[in-house]
């Protein structure tokens, strides 16, 4: 009897797994381009910081 219940439950479980997989695939990933842009911004900030140090009067 238990075996029968398990057999009936199996298709539902498979559907659930497929839905999870679909959600995972459709989930908006962090875009690599955005990450590159953030890295470029950090680099620009570092450059500005260096220039500030250069122009400061050595007192």
N, C-alpha and C. Protein backbone atom coordinates (compact mmCIF):
# COMPACT_ATOMS: atom_id res chain seq x y z
N UNK A 1 0.84 -1.21 0.00
CA UNK A 1 0.00 0.00 0.00
C UNK A 1 0.88 1.27 0.00
N UNK A 2 1.87 1.28 0.87
CA UNK A 2 2.77 2.44 0.91
C UNK A 2 3.45 2.66 -0.44
N UNK A 3 3.83 1.53 -1.05
CA UNK A 3 4.50 1.61 -2.35
C UNK A 3 3.61 2.31 -3.38
N UNK A 4 2.31 1.98 -3.35
CA UNK A 4 1.35 2.59 -4.28
C UNK A 4 1.30 4.10 -4.07
N UNK A 5 1.22 4.51 -2.82
CA UNK A 5 1.17 5.95 -2.51
C UNK A 5 2.43 6.64 -3.04
N UNK A 6 3.58 6.02 -2.82
CA UNK A 6 4.83 6.59 -3.31
C UNK A 6 4.81 6.73 -4.83
N UNK A 7 4.30 5.69 -5.50
CA UNK A 7 4.24 5.73 -6.96
C UNK A 7 3.35 6.88 -7.45
N UNK A 8 2.23 7.08 -6.75
CA UNK A 8 1.33 8.18 -7.14
C UNK A 8 1.98 9.54 -6.88
N UNK A 9 2.79 9.60 -5.83
CA UNK A 9 3.39 10.87 -5.44
C UNK A 9 4.57 11.24 -6.34
N UNK A 10 5.19 10.24 -6.98
CA UNK A 10 6.41 10.48 -7.76
C UNK A 10 6.23 11.55 -8.85
N UNK A 11 5.19 11.48 -9.70
CA UNK A 11 5.07 12.49 -10.77
C UNK A 11 4.99 13.91 -10.22
N UNK A 12 4.28 14.08 -9.12
CA UNK A 12 4.15 15.41 -8.52
C UNK A 12 5.52 15.93 -8.11
N UNK A 13 6.33 15.04 -7.52
CA UNK A 13 7.66 15.43 -7.06
C UNK A 13 8.53 15.86 -8.26
N UNK A 14 8.39 15.10 -9.35
CA UNK A 14 9.17 15.43 -10.55
C UNK A 14 8.77 16.80 -11.08
N UNK A 15 7.48 17.09 -11.11
CA UNK A 15 6.99 18.39 -11.59
C UNK A 15 7.57 19.49 -10.71
N UNK A 16 7.55 19.27 -9.41
CA UNK A 16 8.07 20.27 -8.47
C UNK A 16 9.54 20.54 -8.77
N UNK A 17 10.31 19.47 -8.98
CA UNK A 17 11.73 19.63 -9.30
C UNK A 17 11.92 20.41 -10.59
N UNK A 18 11.09 20.10 -11.59
CA UNK A 18 11.19 20.82 -12.86
C UNK A 18 10.88 22.30 -12.67
N UNK A 19 9.87 22.61 -11.86
CA UNK A 19 9.54 24.01 -11.60
C UNK A 19 10.70 24.72 -10.92
N UNK A 20 11.32 24.05 -9.95
CA UNK A 20 12.47 24.64 -9.27
C UNK A 20 13.59 24.94 -10.26
N UNK A 21 13.84 23.98 -11.14
CA UNK A 21 14.90 24.15 -12.13
C UNK A 21 14.58 25.34 -13.02
N UNK A 22 13.30 25.44 -13.45
CA UNK A 22 12.88 26.54 -14.31
C UNK A 22 13.09 27.88 -13.60
N UNK A 23 12.66 27.93 -12.34
CA UNK A 23 12.84 29.17 -11.55
C UNK A 23 14.31 29.53 -11.49
N UNK A 24 15.14 28.51 -11.24
CA UNK A 24 16.58 28.75 -11.13
C UNK A 24 17.12 29.31 -12.43
N UNK A 25 16.65 28.76 -13.57
CA UNK A 25 17.15 29.22 -14.87
C UNK A 25 16.63 30.62 -15.20
N UNK A 26 15.39 30.91 -14.80
CA UNK A 26 14.79 32.21 -15.13
C UNK A 26 15.22 33.31 -14.15
N UNK A 27 15.84 32.91 -13.05
CA UNK A 27 16.24 33.89 -12.03
C UNK A 27 17.19 34.92 -12.65
N UNK A 28 16.98 36.21 -12.43
CA UNK A 28 17.88 37.22 -12.99
C UNK A 28 19.26 37.10 -12.36
N UNK A 29 20.24 36.72 -13.16
CA UNK A 29 21.61 36.60 -12.65
C UNK A 29 22.25 37.98 -12.55
N UNK A 30 23.20 38.16 -11.66
CA UNK A 30 23.99 39.39 -11.68
C UNK A 30 24.76 39.49 -12.99
N UNK A 31 24.50 40.54 -13.73
CA UNK A 31 25.06 40.65 -15.08
C UNK A 31 26.58 40.85 -15.03
N UNK A 32 27.32 40.10 -15.82
CA UNK A 32 28.78 40.26 -15.83
C UNK A 32 29.20 41.66 -16.25
N UNK A 33 28.42 42.28 -17.15
CA UNK A 33 28.76 43.63 -17.60
C UNK A 33 28.67 44.62 -16.44
N UNK A 34 27.64 44.47 -15.62
CA UNK A 34 27.49 45.36 -14.45
C UNK A 34 28.66 45.19 -13.50
N UNK A 35 29.09 43.93 -13.33
CA UNK A 35 30.22 43.68 -12.44
C UNK A 35 31.48 44.35 -12.98
N UNK A 36 31.67 44.28 -14.30
CA UNK A 36 32.83 44.91 -14.94
C UNK A 36 32.77 46.42 -14.74
N UNK A 37 31.57 46.98 -14.87
CA UNK A 37 31.39 48.42 -14.70
C UNK A 37 31.77 48.83 -13.28
N UNK A 38 31.34 48.04 -12.30
CA UNK A 38 31.68 48.34 -10.90
C UNK A 38 33.20 48.32 -10.71
N UNK A 39 33.84 47.33 -11.34
CA UNK A 39 35.30 47.23 -11.23
C UNK A 39 35.97 48.46 -11.84
N UNK A 40 35.45 48.90 -13.00
CA UNK A 40 36.01 50.09 -13.66
C UNK A 40 35.82 51.32 -12.77
N UNK A 41 34.67 51.42 -12.12
CA UNK A 41 34.39 52.56 -11.25
C UNK A 41 35.39 52.58 -10.09
N UNK A 42 35.64 51.39 -9.52
CA UNK A 42 36.60 51.30 -8.41
C UNK A 42 37.99 51.74 -8.88
N UNK A 43 38.35 51.32 -10.10
CA UNK A 43 39.66 51.70 -10.64
C UNK A 43 39.74 53.22 -10.81
N UNK A 44 38.66 53.83 -11.32
CA UNK A 44 38.64 55.27 -11.51
C UNK A 44 38.79 55.99 -10.17
N UNK A 45 38.11 55.48 -9.16
CA UNK A 45 38.17 56.09 -7.83
C UNK A 45 39.62 56.04 -7.31
N UNK A 46 40.27 54.88 -7.51
CA UNK A 46 41.66 54.73 -7.06
C UNK A 46 42.55 55.75 -7.77
N UNK A 47 42.31 55.94 -9.07
CA UNK A 47 43.12 56.88 -9.85
C UNK A 47 42.95 58.29 -9.30
N UNK A 48 41.69 58.68 -9.02
CA UNK A 48 41.42 60.02 -8.47
C UNK A 48 42.17 60.19 -7.15
N UNK A 49 42.12 59.16 -6.33
CA UNK A 49 42.77 59.20 -5.02
C UNK A 49 44.27 59.43 -5.19
N UNK A 50 44.89 58.71 -6.13
CA UNK A 50 46.32 58.86 -6.38
C UNK A 50 46.63 60.30 -6.79
N UNK A 51 45.82 60.85 -7.69
CA UNK A 51 46.07 62.20 -8.17
C UNK A 51 45.95 63.20 -7.03
N UNK A 52 44.98 63.01 -6.17
CA UNK A 52 44.83 63.89 -5.01
C UNK A 52 46.13 63.92 -4.21
N UNK A 53 46.69 62.74 -4.00
CA UNK A 53 47.93 62.66 -3.23
C UNK A 53 49.07 63.38 -3.95
N UNK A 54 49.11 63.24 -5.28
CA UNK A 54 50.16 63.90 -6.04
C UNK A 54 50.07 65.41 -5.89
N UNK A 55 48.85 65.97 -5.98
CA UNK A 55 48.70 67.43 -6.04
C UNK A 55 48.77 68.07 -4.66
N UNK A 56 48.65 67.29 -3.61
CA UNK A 56 48.67 67.88 -2.26
C UNK A 56 50.06 68.45 -1.97
N UNK A 57 50.09 69.58 -1.32
CA UNK A 57 51.39 70.21 -1.04
C UNK A 57 52.15 69.40 0.02
N UNK A 58 53.41 69.14 -0.15
CA UNK A 58 54.18 68.33 0.80
C UNK A 58 54.59 69.12 2.04
N UNK A 59 53.64 69.31 2.95
CA UNK A 59 53.96 70.05 4.18
C UNK A 59 53.84 69.13 5.38
